């Protein structure tokens, strides 16, 4: 009998995570739905939301500057 297991890990471009052998690029999160997996999924969702909001603020700021320049 062959079983499939879903196992998740976080991966960085450079070593960021503390591992057994020192700093590593990978952080093992366990199976989907595990506490660690849920925590990291929430962190990633927050990071993406912050990035979206920051991008929107910068775009609005740029539009405001263009509008002020057009008025003057």
N, C-alpha and C. Protein backbone atom coordinates (compact mmCIF):
# COMPACT_ATOMS: atom_id res chain seq x y z
N UNK A 1 0.83 -1.17 0.00
CA UNK A 1 0.00 0.00 0.00
C UNK A 1 0.88 1.24 0.00
N UNK A 2 0.62 2.16 -0.92
CA UNK A 2 1.38 3.41 -1.02
C UNK A 2 0.53 4.54 -0.45
N UNK A 3 1.12 5.32 0.43
CA UNK A 3 0.42 6.47 1.02
C UNK A 3 1.14 7.75 0.64
N UNK A 4 0.37 8.78 0.40
CA UNK A 4 0.94 10.10 0.13
C UNK A 4 0.79 10.96 1.36
N UNK A 5 1.84 11.67 1.69
CA UNK A 5 1.82 12.57 2.83
C UNK A 5 2.16 13.97 2.35
N UNK A 6 1.38 14.95 2.76
CA UNK A 6 1.68 16.35 2.46
C UNK A 6 2.52 16.91 3.58
N UNK A 7 3.71 17.39 3.26
CA UNK A 7 4.62 17.91 4.26
C UNK A 7 5.11 19.26 3.77
N UNK A 8 5.06 20.27 4.60
CA UNK A 8 5.38 21.62 4.18
C UNK A 8 6.67 22.12 4.82
N UNK A 9 7.33 23.02 4.08
CA UNK A 9 8.52 23.68 4.61
C UNK A 9 8.56 25.10 4.07
N UNK A 10 9.17 25.99 4.86
CA UNK A 10 9.43 27.36 4.41
C UNK A 10 10.84 27.36 3.85
N UNK A 11 11.04 28.11 2.78
CA UNK A 11 12.35 28.16 2.14
C UNK A 11 12.72 29.62 1.90
N UNK A 12 13.96 29.99 2.24
CA UNK A 12 14.45 31.35 2.07
C UNK A 12 15.57 31.37 1.04
N UNK A 13 15.86 32.56 0.53
CA UNK A 13 16.96 32.72 -0.43
C UNK A 13 18.32 32.57 0.23
N UNK A 14 18.38 32.90 1.50
CA UNK A 14 19.63 32.80 2.24
C UNK A 14 19.32 32.15 3.60
N UNK A 15 20.32 31.63 4.27
CA UNK A 15 20.08 30.98 5.57
C UNK A 15 19.49 31.96 6.59
N UNK A 16 18.30 31.64 7.10
CA UNK A 16 17.61 32.47 8.08
C UNK A 16 17.17 31.72 9.32
N UNK A 17 16.90 30.45 9.17
CA UNK A 17 16.26 29.66 10.22
C UNK A 17 17.29 28.87 11.01
N UNK A 18 17.04 28.77 12.31
CA UNK A 18 17.90 27.96 13.17
C UNK A 18 17.54 26.49 13.01
N UNK A 19 18.52 25.68 12.68
CA UNK A 19 18.31 24.25 12.53
C UNK A 19 19.21 23.48 13.48
N UNK A 20 19.13 22.19 13.43
CA UNK A 20 19.95 21.35 14.30
C UNK A 20 21.44 21.52 14.02
N UNK A 21 21.79 21.73 12.75
CA UNK A 21 23.19 21.88 12.37
C UNK A 21 23.61 23.33 12.22
N UNK A 22 22.85 24.27 12.73
CA UNK A 22 23.17 25.69 12.59
C UNK A 22 22.09 26.40 11.78
N UNK A 23 22.47 27.49 11.13
CA UNK A 23 21.52 28.27 10.36
C UNK A 23 21.29 27.61 9.01
N UNK A 24 20.03 27.56 8.58
CA UNK A 24 19.67 26.88 7.35
C UNK A 24 18.67 27.70 6.54
N UNK A 25 18.48 27.35 5.29
CA UNK A 25 17.53 28.02 4.41
C UNK A 25 16.13 27.44 4.56
N UNK A 26 15.98 26.33 5.23
CA UNK A 26 14.70 25.63 5.29
C UNK A 26 14.17 25.54 6.71
N UNK A 27 12.86 25.67 6.84
CA UNK A 27 12.19 25.47 8.12
C UNK A 27 11.07 24.48 7.90
N UNK A 28 11.13 23.34 8.54
CA UNK A 28 10.12 22.31 8.36
C UNK A 28 8.89 22.64 9.18
N UNK A 29 7.73 22.65 8.52
CA UNK A 29 6.48 23.07 9.14
C UNK A 29 5.54 21.93 9.48
N UNK A 30 5.83 20.75 9.02
CA UNK A 30 4.97 19.61 9.31
C UNK A 30 3.85 19.46 8.30
N UNK A 31 2.84 18.68 8.67
CA UNK A 31 1.71 18.42 7.78
C UNK A 31 0.80 19.63 7.71
N UNK A 32 0.05 19.70 6.61
CA UNK A 32 -0.93 20.77 6.44
C UNK A 32 -1.93 20.70 7.58
N UNK A 33 -2.17 21.86 8.19
CA UNK A 33 -3.11 21.91 9.30
C UNK A 33 -2.46 21.79 10.66
N UNK A 34 -1.16 21.47 10.70
CA UNK A 34 -0.48 21.39 12.00
C UNK A 34 -0.38 22.80 12.59
N UNK A 35 -0.15 22.88 13.86
CA UNK A 35 -0.06 24.18 14.53
C UNK A 35 1.01 25.05 13.90
N UNK A 36 2.18 24.48 13.67
CA UNK A 36 3.29 25.24 13.10
C UNK A 36 2.95 25.70 11.67
N UNK A 37 2.33 24.84 10.89
CA UNK A 37 1.95 25.20 9.53
C UNK A 37 0.94 26.34 9.54
N UNK A 38 -0.07 26.26 10.42
CA UNK A 38 -1.08 27.32 10.51
C UNK A 38 -0.46 28.65 10.93
N UNK A 39 0.46 28.60 11.90
CA UNK A 39 1.12 29.83 12.36
C UNK A 39 1.88 30.50 11.22
N UNK A 40 2.62 29.70 10.45
CA UNK A 40 3.40 30.27 9.36
C UNK A 40 2.51 30.73 8.21
N UNK A 41 1.43 30.04 7.96
CA UNK A 41 0.49 30.48 6.92
C UNK A 41 -0.10 31.84 7.30
N UNK A 42 -0.40 32.03 8.58
CA UNK A 42 -0.92 33.31 9.06
C UNK A 42 0.14 34.41 8.94
N UNK A 43 1.39 34.09 9.25
CA UNK A 43 2.48 35.06 9.11
C UNK A 43 2.62 35.51 7.66
N UNK A 44 2.57 34.55 6.76
CA UNK A 44 2.70 34.86 5.33
C UNK A 44 1.53 35.70 4.85
N UNK A 45 0.32 35.38 5.30
CA UNK A 45 -0.86 36.16 4.93
C UNK A 45 -0.74 37.59 5.43
N UNK A 46 -0.26 37.77 6.68
CA UNK A 46 -0.06 39.12 7.22
C UNK A 46 0.99 39.88 6.42
N UNK A 47 2.08 39.21 6.09
CA UNK A 47 3.15 39.84 5.30
C UNK A 47 2.62 40.30 3.95
N UNK A 48 1.84 39.45 3.29
CA UNK A 48 1.29 39.80 1.98
C UNK A 48 0.29 40.95 2.09
N UNK A 49 -0.51 40.97 3.14
CA UNK A 49 -1.46 42.06 3.34
C UNK A 49 -0.73 43.38 3.57
N UNK A 50 0.32 43.35 4.37
CA UNK A 50 1.11 44.55 4.62
C UNK A 50 1.77 45.04 3.33
N UNK A 51 2.30 44.12 2.54
CA UNK A 51 2.92 44.50 1.26
C UNK A 51 1.89 45.13 0.32
N UNK A 52 0.68 44.59 0.28
CA UNK A 52 -0.38 45.14 -0.57
C UNK A 52 -0.76 46.54 -0.12
N UNK A 53 -0.95 46.71 1.19
CA UNK A 53 -1.32 48.02 1.72
C UNK A 53 -0.20 49.04 1.48
N UNK A 54 1.03 48.66 1.69
CA UNK A 54 2.17 49.55 1.45
C UNK A 54 2.22 49.98 -0.01
N UNK A 55 2.02 49.02 -0.91
CA UNK A 55 2.02 49.33 -2.33
C UNK A 55 0.89 50.30 -2.68
N UNK A 56 -0.29 50.09 -2.12
CA UNK A 56 -1.43 50.97 -2.38
C UNK A 56 -1.17 52.37 -1.86
N UNK A 57 -0.57 52.49 -0.68
CA UNK A 57 -0.26 53.80 -0.11
C UNK A 57 0.74 54.53 -0.99
N UNK A 58 1.76 53.84 -1.46
CA UNK A 58 2.76 54.46 -2.33
C UNK A 58 2.12 54.93 -3.64
N UNK A 59 1.24 54.12 -4.20
CA UNK A 59 0.57 54.49 -5.44
C UNK A 59 -0.32 55.70 -5.23
N UNK A 60 -1.08 55.74 -4.14
CA UNK A 60 -1.93 56.89 -3.84
C UNK A 60 -1.08 58.15 -3.61
N UNK A 61 0.04 58.00 -2.95
CA UNK A 61 0.94 59.13 -2.71
C UNK A 61 1.45 59.68 -4.03
N UNK A 62 1.83 58.78 -4.94
CA UNK A 62 2.31 59.19 -6.25
C UNK A 62 1.20 59.93 -7.02
N UNK A 63 -0.01 59.41 -6.98
CA UNK A 63 -1.13 60.06 -7.66
C UNK A 63 -1.42 61.43 -7.06
N UNK A 64 -1.32 61.55 -5.74
CA UNK A 64 -1.54 62.82 -5.07
C UNK A 64 -0.50 63.85 -5.51
N UNK A 65 0.77 63.41 -5.56
CA UNK A 65 1.84 64.31 -6.02
C UNK A 65 1.60 64.78 -7.44
N UNK A 66 1.16 63.87 -8.32
CA UNK A 66 0.87 64.23 -9.71
C UNK A 66 -0.28 65.23 -9.78
N UNK A 67 -1.29 65.03 -8.95
CA UNK A 67 -2.45 65.93 -8.94
C UNK A 67 -2.06 67.32 -8.45
N UNK A 68 -1.23 67.38 -7.40
CA UNK A 68 -0.77 68.67 -6.89
C UNK A 68 0.08 69.38 -7.94
N UNK A 69 0.95 68.63 -8.63
CA UNK A 69 1.79 69.22 -9.67
C UNK A 69 0.92 69.74 -10.82
N UNK A 70 -0.15 69.06 -11.16
CA UNK A 70 -1.03 69.49 -12.25
C UNK A 70 -1.80 70.75 -11.87
N UNK A 71 -2.15 70.90 -10.60
CA UNK A 71 -2.87 72.08 -10.13
C UNK A 71 -1.96 73.30 -10.15
N UNK A 72 -0.72 73.11 -9.77
CA UNK A 72 0.24 74.21 -9.70
C UNK A 72 0.76 74.43 -11.08
